[in-house]
Amino acid sequence: MKIEKIRQQLIPTFRVKLSNGLSFSELKFAVRNAARDRALYFEPIEFDSFEWNGEVDLSNFGRWLFGIKGFAGHWKNTPADEEGWVEIYLPDMKEAKEVVKYALEILRTQGLVEEFNLLKS
């Protein structure tokens, strides 16, 4: 997969209602772990060599999206509001939406997420 810019703007993409068993600070890690079941997570990626110096290993889509030590990734979520809703911000890419939606569906079946809505299609 070719990613034109290593750093991309994040937009509100999902609205998620957390269960009492998952805090907003644990959401990214839970989604990342569930997303590892998808081949898309491990899809090799390439960057414009003038933009990326390769200081950390961003060899696959999951590392780029969720981040690793030395690179924050392309995920941001808000704290939960008083009703337990969190907003997830992602790059406006169908692949990012696909892998996160897949993971949220798994977390819903596990009872960690009560429901979620796609904000941008």
PDB file of N, CA and C in Angstrom:
ATOM      1  N   MET A   1       0.845  -1.159   0.000  1.00  0.00           N
ATOM      2  CA  MET A   1       0.000   0.000   0.000  1.00  0.00           C
ATOM      3  C   MET A   1       0.899   1.233   0.000  1.00  0.00           C
ATOM      4  N   LYS A   2       0.589   2.176  -0.834  1.00  0.00           N
ATOM      5  CA  LYS A   2       1.346   3.424  -0.923  1.00  0.00           C
ATOM      6  C   LYS A   2       0.607   4.488  -0.116  1.00  0.00           C
ATOM      7  N   ILE A   3       1.298   5.097   0.825  1.00  0.00           N
ATOM      8  CA  ILE A   3       0.746   6.197   1.607  1.00  0.00           C
ATOM      9  C   ILE A   3       1.539   7.439   1.235  1.00  0.00           C
ATOM     10  N   GLU A   4       0.848   8.413   0.679  1.00  0.00           N
ATOM     11  CA  GLU A   4       1.512   9.604   0.157  1.00  0.00           C
ATOM     12  C   GLU A   4       2.198  10.417   1.245  1.00  0.00           C
ATOM     13  N   LYS A   5       1.499  10.690   2.317  1.00  0.00           N
ATOM     14  CA  LYS A   5       2.059  11.515   3.387  1.00  0.00           C
ATOM     15  C   LYS A   5       2.112  10.702   4.666  1.00  0.00           C
ATOM     16  N   ILE A   6       3.260  10.698   5.324  1.00  0.00           N
ATOM     17  CA  ILE A   6       3.375   9.939   6.557  1.00  0.00           C
ATOM     18  C   ILE A   6       2.468  10.502   7.635  1.00  0.00           C
ATOM     19  N   ARG A   7       2.350  11.808   7.721  1.00  0.00           N
ATOM     20  CA  ARG A   7       1.473  12.464   8.689  1.00  0.00           C
ATOM     21  C   ARG A   7       0.227  12.938   7.964  1.00  0.00           C
ATOM     22  N   GLN A   8      -0.922  12.537   8.462  1.00  0.00           N
ATOM     23  CA  GLN A   8      -2.177  12.930   7.848  1.00  0.00           C
ATOM     24  C   GLN A   8      -3.107  13.533   8.894  1.00  0.00           C
ATOM     25  N   GLN A   9      -3.973  14.410   8.420  1.00  0.00           N
ATOM     26  CA  GLN A   9      -4.950  15.046   9.287  1.00  0.00           C
ATOM     27  C   GLN A   9      -5.946  14.007   9.788  1.00  0.00           C
ATOM     28  N   LEU A  10      -6.331  14.132  11.056  1.00  0.00           N
ATOM     29  CA  LEU A  10      -7.308  13.223  11.652  1.00  0.00           C
ATOM     30  C   LEU A  10      -8.672  13.898  11.671  1.00  0.00           C
ATOM     31  N   ILE A  11      -9.697  13.120  11.363  1.00  0.00           N
ATOM     32  CA  ILE A  11     -11.064  13.633  11.371  1.00  0.00           C
ATOM     33  C   ILE A  11     -11.921  12.749  12.276  1.00  0.00           C
ATOM     34  N   PRO A  12     -13.002  13.296  12.862  1.00  0.00           N
ATOM     35  CA  PRO A  12     -13.892  12.446  13.663  1.00  0.00           C
ATOM     36  C   PRO A  12     -14.511  11.377  12.768  1.00  0.00           C
ATOM     37  N   THR A  13     -14.317  10.111  13.138  1.00  0.00           N
ATOM     38  CA  THR A  13     -14.720   9.008  12.261  1.00  0.00           C
ATOM     39  C   THR A  13     -15.738   8.078  12.908  1.00  0.00           C
ATOM     40  N   PHE A  14     -15.540   7.731  14.172  1.00  0.00           N
ATOM     41  CA  PHE A  14     -16.469   6.848  14.879  1.00  0.00           C
ATOM     42  C   PHE A  14     -16.884   7.486  16.199  1.00  0.00           C
ATOM     43  N   ARG A  15     -18.100   7.202  16.591  1.00  0.00           N
ATOM     44  CA  ARG A  15     -18.600   7.529  17.922  1.00  0.00           C
ATOM     45  C   ARG A  15     -18.894   6.194  18.587  1.00  0.00           C
ATOM     46  N   VAL A  16     -18.291   5.979  19.769  1.00  0.00           N
ATOM     47  CA  VAL A  16     -18.326   4.669  20.411  1.00  0.00           C
ATOM     48  C   VAL A  16     -18.852   4.806  21.833  1.00  0.00           C
ATOM     49  N   LYS A  17     -19.796   3.952  22.186  1.00  0.00           N
ATOM     50  CA  LYS A  17     -20.308   3.888  23.563  1.00  0.00           C
ATOM     51  C   LYS A  17     -19.591   2.730  24.246  1.00  0.00           C
ATOM     52  N   LEU A  18     -18.786   3.060  25.251  1.00  0.00           N
ATOM     53  CA  LEU A  18     -18.017   2.053  25.975  1.00  0.00           C
ATOM     54  C   LEU A  18     -18.857   1.399  27.056  1.00  0.00           C
ATOM     55  N   SER A  19     -18.579   0.136  27.321  1.00  0.00           N
ATOM     56  CA  SER A  19     -19.200  -0.517  28.469  1.00  0.00           C
ATOM     57  C   SER A  19     -18.410  -0.118  29.709  1.00  0.00           C
ATOM     58  N   ASN A  20     -18.886  -0.510  30.860  1.00  0.00           N
ATOM     59  CA  ASN A  20     -18.172  -0.201  32.101  1.00  0.00           C
ATOM     60  C   ASN A  20     -16.860  -0.970  32.219  1.00  0.00           C
ATOM     61  N   GLY A  21     -16.660  -1.977  31.360  1.00  0.00           N
ATOM     62  CA  GLY A  21     -15.455  -2.796  31.436  1.00  0.00           C
ATOM     63  C   GLY A  21     -14.266  -2.244  30.666  1.00  0.00           C
ATOM     64  N   LEU A  22     -14.434  -1.111  29.978  1.00  0.00           N
ATOM     65  CA  LEU A  22     -13.354  -0.559  29.165  1.00  0.00           C
ATOM     66  C   LEU A  22     -13.306   0.953  29.358  1.00  0.00           C
ATOM     67  N   SER A  23     -12.142   1.469  29.731  1.00  0.00           N
ATOM     68  CA  SER A  23     -12.001   2.915  29.878  1.00  0.00           C
ATOM     69  C   SER A  23     -11.544   3.517  28.551  1.00  0.00           C
ATOM     70  N   PHE A  24     -11.764   4.818  28.398  1.00  0.00           N
ATOM     71  CA  PHE A  24     -11.380   5.478  27.151  1.00  0.00           C
ATOM     72  C   PHE A  24      -9.875   5.392  26.918  1.00  0.00           C
ATOM     73  N   SER A  25      -9.100   5.329  27.990  1.00  0.00           N
ATOM     74  CA  SER A  25      -7.644   5.256  27.833  1.00  0.00           C
ATOM     75  C   SER A  25      -7.177   3.873  27.365  1.00  0.00           C
ATOM     76  N   GLU A  26      -8.011   2.854  27.501  1.00  0.00           N
ATOM     77  CA  GLU A  26      -7.674   1.500  27.055  1.00  0.00           C
ATOM     78  C   GLU A  26      -8.213   1.185  25.666  1.00  0.00           C
ATOM     79  N   LEU A  27      -9.052   2.070  25.129  1.00  0.00           N
ATOM     80  CA  LEU A  27      -9.746   1.793  23.866  1.00  0.00           C
ATOM     81  C   LEU A  27      -8.781   1.556  22.704  1.00  0.00           C
ATOM     82  N   LYS A  28      -7.789   2.410  22.532  1.00  0.00           N
ATOM     83  CA  LYS A  28      -6.856   2.268  21.417  1.00  0.00           C
ATOM     84  C   LYS A  28      -6.165   0.905  21.447  1.00  0.00           C
ATOM     85  N   PHE A  29      -5.731   0.472  22.614  1.00  0.00           N
ATOM     86  CA  PHE A  29      -5.010  -0.796  22.726  1.00  0.00           C
ATOM     87  C   PHE A  29      -5.936  -1.976  22.461  1.00  0.00           C
ATOM     88  N   ALA A  30      -7.183  -1.876  22.935  1.00  0.00           N
ATOM     89  CA  ALA A  30      -8.150  -2.946  22.685  1.00  0.00           C
ATOM     90  C   ALA A  30      -8.463  -3.054  21.193  1.00  0.00           C
ATOM     91  N   VAL A  31      -8.657  -1.914  20.543  1.00  0.00           N
ATOM     92  CA  VAL A  31      -8.937  -1.918  19.102  1.00  0.00           C
ATOM     93  C   VAL A  31      -7.728  -2.446  18.333  1.00  0.00           C
ATOM     94  N   ARG A  32      -6.540  -1.976  18.686  1.00  0.00           N
ATOM     95  CA  ARG A  32      -5.326  -2.438  18.001  1.00  0.00           C
ATOM     96  C   ARG A  32      -5.176  -3.956  18.115  1.00  0.00           C
ATOM     97  N   ASN A  33      -5.369  -4.495  19.300  1.00  0.00           N
ATOM     98  CA  ASN A  33      -5.220  -5.936  19.494  1.00  0.00           C
ATOM     99  C   ASN A  33      -6.251  -6.723  18.692  1.00  0.00           C
ATOM    100  N   ALA A  34      -7.497  -6.242  18.650  1.00  0.00           N
ATOM    101  CA  ALA A  34      -8.529  -6.930  17.860  1.00  0.00           C
ATOM    102  C   ALA A  34      -8.250  -6.798  16.363  1.00  0.00           C
ATOM    103  N   ALA A  35      -7.695  -5.670  15.952  1.00  0.00           N
ATOM    104  CA  ALA A  35      -7.417  -5.430  14.527  1.00  0.00           C
ATOM    105  C   ALA A  35      -6.326  -6.339  13.994  1.00  0.00           C
ATOM    106  N   ARG A  36      -5.519  -6.884  14.850  1.00  0.00           N
ATOM    107  CA  ARG A  36      -4.427  -7.764  14.404  1.00  0.00           C
ATOM    108  C   ARG A  36      -4.927  -9.052  13.769  1.00  0.00           C
ATOM    109  N   ASP A  37      -6.215  -9.338  13.882  1.00  0.00           N
ATOM    110  CA  ASP A  37      -6.794 -10.500  13.207  1.00  0.00           C
ATOM    111  C   ASP A  37      -6.981 -10.264  11.713  1.00  0.00           C
ATOM    112  N   ARG A  38      -6.890  -9.020  11.266  1.00  0.00           N
ATOM    113  CA  ARG A  38      -7.096  -8.678   9.863  1.00  0.00           C
ATOM    114  C   ARG A  38      -5.770  -8.634   9.122  1.00  0.00           C
ATOM    115  N   ALA A  39      -5.755  -9.184   7.930  1.00  0.00           N
ATOM    116  CA  ALA A  39      -4.541  -9.130   7.106  1.00  0.00           C
ATOM    117  C   ALA A  39      -4.164  -7.685   6.791  1.00  0.00           C
ATOM    118  N   LEU A  40      -5.163  -6.803   6.707  1.00  0.00           N
ATOM    119  CA  LEU A  40      -4.907  -5.394   6.416  1.00  0.00           C
ATOM    120  C   LEU A  40      -3.974  -4.765   7.447  1.00  0.00           C
ATOM    121  N   TYR A  41      -4.058  -5.198   8.687  1.00  0.00           N
ATOM    122  CA  TYR A  41      -3.180  -4.662   9.736  1.00  0.00           C
ATOM    123  C   TYR A  41      -1.715  -4.859   9.342  1.00  0.00           C
ATOM    124  N   PHE A  42      -1.390  -5.987   8.750  1.00  0.00           N
ATOM    125  CA  PHE A  42      -0.010  -6.341   8.415  1.00  0.00           C
ATOM    126  C   PHE A  42       0.371  -5.992   6.968  1.00  0.00           C
ATOM    127  N   GLU A  43      -0.524  -5.291   6.262  1.00  0.00           N
ATOM    128  CA  GLU A  43      -0.256  -4.895   4.873  1.00  0.00           C
ATOM    129  C   GLU A  43       1.001  -4.016   4.823  1.00  0.00           C
ATOM    130  N   PRO A  44       1.990  -4.393   4.000  1.00  0.00           N
ATOM    131  CA  PRO A  44       3.193  -3.554   3.879  1.00  0.00           C
ATOM    132  C   PRO A  44       2.838  -2.178   3.307  1.00  0.00           C
ATOM    133  N   ILE A  45       3.530  -1.154   3.786  1.00  0.00           N
ATOM    134  CA  ILE A  45       3.295   0.196   3.289  1.00  0.00           C
ATOM    135  C   ILE A  45       4.606   0.825   2.846  1.00  0.00           C
ATOM    136  N   GLU A  46       4.482   1.798   1.975  1.00  0.00           N
ATOM    137  CA  GLU A  46       5.625   2.548   1.468  1.00  0.00           C
ATOM    138  C   GLU A  46       5.320   4.029   1.593  1.00  0.00           C
ATOM    139  N   PHE A  47       6.373   4.824   1.816  1.00  0.00           N
ATOM    140  CA  PHE A  47       6.250   6.274   1.909  1.00  0.00           C
ATOM    141  C   PHE A  47       7.148   6.928   0.885  1.00  0.00           C
ATOM    142  N   ASP A  48       6.891   8.204   0.648  1.00  0.00           N
ATOM    143  CA  ASP A  48       7.786   9.034  -0.139  1.00  0.00           C
ATOM    144  C   ASP A  48       9.108   9.119   0.628  1.00  0.00           C
ATOM    145  N   SER A  49      10.190   8.669   0.032  1.00  0.00           N
ATOM    146  CA  SER A  49      11.476   8.591   0.733  1.00  0.00           C
ATOM    147  C   SER A  49      11.985   9.956   1.187  1.00  0.00           C
ATOM    148  N   PHE A  50      11.510  11.028   0.566  1.00  0.00           N
ATOM    149  CA  PHE A  50      11.944  12.362   0.985  1.00  0.00           C
ATOM    150  C   PHE A  50      11.257  12.792   2.274  1.00  0.00           C
ATOM    151  N   GLU A  51      10.135  12.180   2.579  1.00  0.00           N
ATOM    152  CA  GLU A  51       9.365  12.574   3.756  1.00  0.00           C
ATOM    153  C   GLU A  51       9.663  11.704   4.965  1.00  0.00           C
ATOM    154  N   TRP A  52       9.977  10.446   4.762  1.00  0.00           N
ATOM    155  CA  TRP A  52      10.161   9.518   5.872  1.00  0.00           C
ATOM    156  C   TRP A  52      11.612   9.083   5.954  1.00  0.00           C
ATOM    157  N   ASN A  53      12.224   9.293   7.123  1.00  0.00           N
ATOM    158  CA  ASN A  53      13.636   8.948   7.279  1.00  0.00           C
ATOM    159  C   ASN A  53      13.857   7.555   7.854  1.00  0.00           C
ATOM    160  N   GLY A  54      12.787   6.865   8.222  1.00  0.00           N
ATOM    161  CA  GLY A  54      12.897   5.481   8.655  1.00  0.00           C
ATOM    162  C   GLY A  54      13.478   5.268  10.042  1.00  0.00           C
ATOM    163  N   GLU A  55      13.373   6.263  10.926  1.00  0.00           N
ATOM    164  CA  GLU A  55      13.936   6.110  12.268  1.00  0.00           C
ATOM    165  C   GLU A  55      13.247   5.027  13.093  1.00  0.00           C
ATOM    166  N   VAL A  56      11.957   4.810  12.875  1.00  0.00           N
ATOM    167  CA  VAL A  56      11.242   3.709  13.525  1.00  0.00           C
ATOM    168  C   VAL A  56      10.636   2.840  12.425  1.00  0.00           C
ATOM    169  N   ASP A  57      10.391   1.584  12.748  1.00  0.00           N
ATOM    170  CA  ASP A  57       9.911   0.622  11.758  1.00  0.00           C
ATOM    171  C   ASP A  57       8.401   0.757  11.552  1.00  0.00           C
ATOM    172  N   LEU A  58       8.026   1.447  10.485  1.00  0.00           N
ATOM    173  CA  LEU A  58       6.614   1.570  10.112  1.00  0.00           C
ATOM    174  C   LEU A  58       6.361   0.730   8.870  1.00  0.00           C
ATOM    175  N   SER A  59       6.742  -0.523   8.939  1.00  0.00           N
ATOM    176  CA  SER A  59       6.690  -1.375   7.762  1.00  0.00           C
ATOM    177  C   SER A  59       5.294  -1.890   7.436  1.00  0.00           C
ATOM    178  N   ASN A  60       4.329  -1.719   8.354  1.00  0.00           N
ATOM    179  CA  ASN A  60       2.981  -2.185   8.029  1.00  0.00           C
ATOM    180  C   ASN A  60       1.929  -1.164   8.435  1.00  0.00           C
ATOM    181  N   PHE A  61       0.742  -1.350   7.892  1.00  0.00           N
ATOM    182  CA  PHE A  61      -0.352  -0.405   8.075  1.00  0.00           C
ATOM    183  C   PHE A  61      -0.747  -0.252   9.549  1.00  0.00           C
ATOM    184  N   GLY A  62      -0.778  -1.345  10.300  1.00  0.00           N
ATOM    185  CA  GLY A  62      -1.152  -1.279  11.707  1.00  0.00           C
ATOM    186  C   GLY A  62      -0.208  -0.421  12.528  1.00  0.00           C
ATOM    187  N   ARG A  63       1.076  -0.536  12.286  1.00  0.00           N
ATOM    188  CA  ARG A  63       2.054   0.293  13.001  1.00  0.00           C
ATOM    189  C   ARG A  63       1.847   1.765  12.664  1.00  0.00           C
ATOM    190  N   TRP A  64       1.604   2.050  11.402  1.00  0.00           N
ATOM    191  CA  TRP A  64       1.383   3.428  10.978  1.00  0.00           C
ATOM    192  C   TRP A  64       0.099   3.983  11.590  1.00  0.00           C
ATOM    193  N   LEU A  65      -0.963   3.181  11.610  1.00  0.00           N
ATOM    194  CA  LEU A  65      -2.255   3.656  12.101  1.00  0.00           C
ATOM    195  C   LEU A  65      -2.274   3.805  13.623  1.00  0.00           C
ATOM    196  N   PHE A  66      -1.857   2.779  14.342  1.00  0.00           N
ATOM    197  CA  PHE A  66      -1.970   2.776  15.794  1.00  0.00           C
ATOM    198  C   PHE A  66      -0.731   3.305  16.512  1.00  0.00           C
ATOM    199  N   GLY A  67       0.395   3.329  15.822  1.00  0.00           N
ATOM    200  CA  GLY A  67       1.619   3.846  16.404  1.00  0.00           C
ATOM    201  C   GLY A  67       2.446   2.774  17.092  1.00  0.00           C
ATOM    202  N   ILE A  68       3.685   3.127  17.341  1.00  0.00           N
ATOM    203  CA  ILE A  68       4.637   2.291  18.070  1.00  0.00           C
ATOM    204  C   ILE A  68       5.527   3.234  18.867  1.00  0.00           C
ATOM    205  N   LYS A  69       6.382   2.699  19.672  1.00  0.00           N
ATOM    206  CA  LYS A  69       7.294   3.546  20.440  1.00  0.00           C
ATOM    207  C   LYS A  69       8.113   4.408  19.471  1.00  0.00           C
ATOM    208  N   GLY A  70       8.053   5.709  19.665  1.00  0.00           N
ATOM    209  CA  GLY A  70       8.761   6.636  18.793  1.00  0.00           C
ATOM    210  C   GLY A  70       7.911   7.218  17.683  1.00  0.00           C
ATOM    211  N   PHE A  71       6.660   6.751  17.535  1.00  0.00           N
ATOM    212  CA  PHE A  71       5.744   7.266  16.515  1.00  0.00           C
ATOM    213  C   PHE A  71       4.321   7.147  17.054  1.00  0.00           C
ATOM    214  N   ALA A  72       3.626   8.265  17.193  1.00  0.00           N
ATOM    215  CA  ALA A  72       2.298   8.290  17.833  1.00  0.00           C
ATOM    216  C   ALA A  72       1.206   7.612  17.024  1.00  0.00           C
ATOM    217  N   GLY A  73       1.386   7.486  15.731  1.00  0.00           N
ATOM    218  CA  GLY A  73       0.359   6.864  14.911  1.00  0.00           C
ATOM    219  C   GLY A  73      -0.712   7.855  14.481  1.00  0.00           C
ATOM    220  N   HIS A  74      -1.788   7.333  13.925  1.00  0.00           N
ATOM    221  CA  HIS A  74      -2.874   8.138  13.382  1.00  0.00           C
ATOM    222  C   HIS A  74      -4.193   7.781  14.049  1.00  0.00           C
ATOM    223  N   TRP A  75      -4.207   7.810  15.334  1.00  0.00           N
ATOM    224  CA  TRP A  75      -5.387   7.513  16.148  1.00  0.00           C
ATOM    225  C   TRP A  75      -5.439   8.525  17.273  1.00  0.00           C
ATOM    226  N   LYS A  76      -6.594   9.055  17.494  1.00  0.00           N
ATOM    227  CA  LYS A  76      -6.832   9.918  18.651  1.00  0.00           C
ATOM    228  C   LYS A  76      -8.249   9.634  19.102  1.00  0.00           C
ATOM    229  N   ASN A  77      -8.445   9.527  20.403  1.00  0.00           N
ATOM    230  CA  ASN A  77      -9.814   9.440  20.894  1.00  0.00           C
ATOM    231  C   ASN A  77     -10.005  10.403  22.059  1.00  0.00           C
ATOM    232  N   THR A  78     -11.219  10.842  22.199  1.00  0.00           N
ATOM    233  CA  THR A  78     -11.566  11.771  23.264  1.00  0.00           C
ATOM    234  C   THR A  78     -11.804  10.996  24.553  1.00  0.00           C
ATOM    235  N   PRO A  79     -11.777  11.673  25.692  1.00  0.00           N
ATOM    236  CA  PRO A  79     -12.253  11.025  26.923  1.00  0.00           C
ATOM    237  C   PRO A  79     -13.748  10.729  26.786  1.00  0.00           C
ATOM    238  N   ALA A  80     -14.221   9.798  27.571  1.00  0.00           N
ATOM    239  CA  ALA A  80     -15.646   9.463  27.548  1.00  0.00           C
ATOM    240  C   ALA A  80     -16.450  10.618  28.149  1.00  0.00           C
ATOM    241  N   ASP A  81     -17.595  10.912  27.542  1.00  0.00           N
ATOM    242  CA  ASP A  81     -18.479  11.925  28.118  1.00  0.00           C
ATOM    243  C   ASP A  81     -19.270  11.295  29.266  1.00  0.00           C
ATOM    244  N   GLU A  82     -20.176  12.040  29.845  1.00  0.00           N
ATOM    245  CA  GLU A  82     -20.918  11.550  31.019  1.00  0.00           C
ATOM    246  C   GLU A  82     -21.789  10.332  30.714  1.00  0.00           C
ATOM    247  N   GLU A  83     -22.086  10.091  29.443  1.00  0.00           N
ATOM    248  CA  GLU A  83     -22.887   8.920  29.054  1.00  0.00           C
ATOM    249  C   GLU A  83     -22.027   7.765  28.545  1.00  0.00           C
ATOM    250  N   GLY A  84     -20.709   7.926  28.557  1.00  0.00           N
ATOM    251  CA  GLY A  84     -19.816   6.853  28.132  1.00  0.00           C
ATOM    252  C   GLY A  84     -19.453   6.858  26.660  1.00  0.00           C
ATOM    253  N   TRP A  85     -19.765   7.935  25.917  1.00  0.00           N
ATOM    254  CA  TRP A  85     -19.456   8.018  24.500  1.00  0.00           C
ATOM    255  C   TRP A  85     -18.073   8.616  24.276  1.00  0.00           C
ATOM    256  N   VAL A  86     -17.348   8.053  23.326  1.00  0.00           N
ATOM    257  CA  VAL A  86     -16.006   8.484  22.940  1.00  0.00           C
ATOM    258  C   VAL A  86     -16.019   8.713  21.434  1.00  0.00           C
ATOM    259  N   GLU A  87     -15.287   9.732  20.971  1.00  0.00           N
ATOM    260  CA  GLU A  87     -15.102   9.913  19.534  1.00  0.00           C
ATOM    261  C   GLU A  87     -13.701   9.476  19.151  1.00  0.00           C
ATOM    262  N   ILE A  88     -13.609   8.750  18.036  1.00  0.00           N
ATOM    263  CA  ILE A  88     -12.332   8.295  17.499  1.00  0.00           C
ATOM    264  C   ILE A  88     -12.020   9.124  16.254  1.00  0.00           C
ATOM    265  N   TYR A  89     -10.807   9.656  16.210  1.00  0.00           N
ATOM    266  CA  TYR A  89     -10.324  10.436  15.073  1.00  0.00           C
ATOM    267  C   TYR A  89      -9.294   9.599  14.312  1.00  0.00           C
ATOM    268  N   LEU A  90      -9.489   9.512  12.996  1.00  0.00           N
ATOM    269  CA  LEU A  90      -8.618   8.727  12.119  1.00  0.00           C
ATOM    270  C   LEU A  90      -8.341   9.519  10.845  1.00  0.00           C
ATOM    271  N   PRO A  91      -7.357   9.099  10.058  1.00  0.00           N
ATOM    272  CA  PRO A  91      -7.200   9.697   8.727  1.00  0.00           C
ATOM    273  C   PRO A  91      -8.405   9.316   7.862  1.00  0.00           C
ATOM    274  N   ASP A  92      -8.726  10.145   6.898  1.00  0.00           N
ATOM    275  CA  ASP A  92      -9.863   9.885   6.018  1.00  0.00           C
ATOM    276  C   ASP A  92      -9.447   8.885   4.940  1.00  0.00           C
ATOM    277  N   MET A  93      -9.318   7.618   5.363  1.00  0.00           N
ATOM    278  CA  MET A  93      -8.907   6.528   4.475  1.00  0.00           C
ATOM    279  C   MET A  93      -9.839   5.347   4.684  1.00  0.00           C
ATOM    280  N   LYS A  94     -10.296   4.758   3.593  1.00  0.00           N
ATOM    281  CA  LYS A  94     -11.212   3.619   3.730  1.00  0.00           C
ATOM    282  C   LYS A  94     -10.556   2.472   4.490  1.00  0.00           C
ATOM    283  N   GLU A  95      -9.251   2.276   4.320  1.00  0.00           N
ATOM    284  CA  GLU A  95      -8.558   1.184   5.006  1.00  0.00           C
ATOM    285  C   GLU A  95      -8.563   1.392   6.524  1.00  0.00           C
ATOM    286  N   ALA A  96      -8.369   2.620   6.969  1.00  0.00           N
ATOM    287  CA  ALA A  96      -8.386   2.911   8.405  1.00  0.00           C
ATOM    288  C   ALA A  96      -9.776   2.647   8.974  1.00  0.00           C
ATOM    289  N   LYS A  97     -10.795   3.100   8.271  1.00  0.00           N
ATOM    290  CA  LYS A  97     -12.175   2.881   8.721  1.00  0.00           C
ATOM    291  C   LYS A  97     -12.488   1.387   8.757  1.00  0.00           C
ATOM    292  N   GLU A  98     -12.042   0.655   7.750  1.00  0.00           N
ATOM    293  CA  GLU A  98     -12.324  -0.776   7.648  1.00  0.00           C
ATOM    294  C   GLU A  98     -11.719  -1.559   8.810  1.00  0.00           C
ATOM    295  N   VAL A  99     -10.450  -1.334   9.100  1.00  0.00           N
ATOM    296  CA  VAL A  99      -9.786  -2.115  10.146  1.00  0.00           C
ATOM    297  C   VAL A  99     -10.317  -1.737  11.536  1.00  0.00           C
ATOM    298  N   VAL A 100     -10.633  -0.468  11.756  1.00  0.00           N
ATOM    299  CA  VAL A 100     -11.170  -0.057  13.061  1.00  0.00           C
ATOM    300  C   VAL A 100     -12.600  -0.558  13.231  1.00  0.00           C
ATOM    301  N   LYS A 101     -13.408  -0.493  12.191  1.00  0.00           N
ATOM    302  CA  LYS A 101     -14.780  -1.006  12.277  1.00  0.00           C
ATOM    303  C   LYS A 101     -14.771  -2.502  12.597  1.00  0.00           C
ATOM    304  N   TYR A 102     -13.909  -3.248  11.939  1.00  0.00           N
ATOM    305  CA  TYR A 102     -13.783  -4.679  12.200  1.00  0.00           C
ATOM    306  C   TYR A 102     -13.463  -4.922  13.682  1.00  0.00           C
ATOM    307  N   ALA A 103     -12.495  -4.179  14.204  1.00  0.00           N
ATOM    308  CA  ALA A 103     -12.093  -4.349  15.601  1.00  0.00           C
ATOM    309  C   ALA A 103     -13.212  -3.942  16.559  1.00  0.00           C
ATOM    310  N   LEU A 104     -13.926  -2.866  16.247  1.00  0.00           N
ATOM    311  CA  LEU A 104     -15.036  -2.437  17.111  1.00  0.00           C
ATOM    312  C   LEU A 104     -16.145  -3.481  17.144  1.00  0.00           C
ATOM    313  N   GLU A 105     -16.381  -4.146  16.026  1.00  0.00           N
ATOM    314  CA  GLU A 105     -17.387  -5.216  16.003  1.00  0.00           C
ATOM    315  C   GLU A 105     -16.976  -6.369  16.920  1.00  0.00           C
ATOM    316  N   ILE A 106     -15.697  -6.706  16.927  1.00  0.00           N
ATOM    317  CA  ILE A 106     -15.205  -7.748  17.841  1.00  0.00           C
ATOM    318  C   ILE A 106     -15.397  -7.309  19.288  1.00  0.00           C
ATOM    319  N   LEU A 107     -15.026  -6.075  19.594  1.00  0.00           N
ATOM    320  CA  LEU A 107     -15.163  -5.575  20.974  1.00  0.00           C
ATOM    321  C   LEU A 107     -16.623  -5.517  21.403  1.00  0.00           C
ATOM    322  N   ARG A 108     -17.520  -5.272  20.448  1.00  0.00           N
ATOM    323  CA  ARG A 108     -18.949  -5.275  20.783  1.00  0.00           C
ATOM    324  C   ARG A 108     -19.400  -6.697  21.143  1.00  0.00           C
ATOM    325  N   THR A 109     -18.946  -7.698  20.396  1.00  0.00           N
ATOM    326  CA  THR A 109     -19.332  -9.078  20.722  1.00  0.00           C
ATOM    327  C   THR A 109     -18.732  -9.521  22.056  1.00  0.00           C
ATOM    328  N   GLN A 110     -17.595  -8.926  22.443  1.00  0.00           N
ATOM    329  CA  GLN A 110     -16.963  -9.239  23.727  1.00  0.00           C
ATOM    330  C   GLN A 110     -17.575  -8.456  24.886  1.00  0.00           C
ATOM    331  N   GLY A 111     -18.468  -7.516  24.572  1.00  0.00           N
ATOM    332  CA  GLY A 111     -19.121  -6.733  25.611  1.00  0.00           C
ATOM    333  C   GLY A 111     -18.329  -5.530  26.098  1.00  0.00           C
ATOM    334  N   LEU A 112     -17.233  -5.195  25.424  1.00  0.00           N
ATOM    335  CA  LEU A 112     -16.424  -4.041  25.831  1.00  0.00           C
ATOM    336  C   LEU A 112     -16.925  -2.736  25.218  1.00  0.00           C
ATOM    337  N   VAL A 113     -17.606  -2.844  24.081  1.00  0.00           N
ATOM    338  CA  VAL A 113     -18.225  -1.716  23.403  1.00  0.00           C
ATOM    339  C   VAL A 113     -19.704  -2.015  23.311  1.00  0.00           C
ATOM    340  N   GLU A 114     -20.532  -1.063  23.745  1.00  0.00           N
ATOM    341  CA  GLU A 114     -21.988  -1.282  23.664  1.00  0.00           C
ATOM    342  C   GLU A 114     -22.513  -1.051  22.260  1.00  0.00           C
ATOM    343  N   GLU A 115     -22.064   0.035  21.628  1.00  0.00           N
ATOM    344  CA  GLU A 115     -22.463   0.335  20.260  1.00  0.00           C
ATOM    345  C   GLU A 115     -21.484   1.333  19.671  1.00  0.00           C
ATOM    346  N   PHE A 116     -21.544   1.483  18.332  1.00  0.00           N
ATOM    347  CA  PHE A 116     -20.696   2.478  17.672  1.00  0.00           C
ATOM    348  C   PHE A 116     -21.376   2.924  16.383  1.00  0.00           C
ATOM    349  N   ASN A 117     -21.009   4.128  15.968  1.00  0.00           N
ATOM    350  CA  ASN A 117     -21.552   4.713  14.749  1.00  0.00           C
ATOM    351  C   ASN A 117     -20.428   5.293  13.902  1.00  0.00           C
ATOM    352  N   LEU A 118     -20.514   5.100  12.604  1.00  0.00           N
ATOM    353  CA  LEU A 118     -19.579   5.714  11.670  1.00  0.00           C
ATOM    354  C   LEU A 118     -20.036   7.141  11.429  1.00  0.00           C
ATOM    355  N   LEU A 119     -19.151   8.121  11.655  1.00  0.00           N
ATOM    356  CA  LEU A 119     -19.504   9.521  11.483  1.00  0.00           C
ATOM    357  C   LEU A 119     -19.272  10.009  10.071  1.00  0.00           C
ATOM    358  N   LYS A 120     -18.256   9.469   9.387  1.00  0.00           N
ATOM    359  CA  LYS A 120     -17.940   9.840   8.008  1.00  0.00           C
ATOM    360  C   LYS A 120     -17.937   8.573   7.163  1.00  0.00           C
ATOM    361  N   SER A 121     -18.503   8.663   5.963  1.00  0.00           N
ATOM    362  CA  SER A 121     -18.496   7.456   5.117  1.00  0.00           C
ATOM    363  C   SER A 121     -17.573   7.582   3.948  1.00  0.00           C
TER     364      SER A 121
END
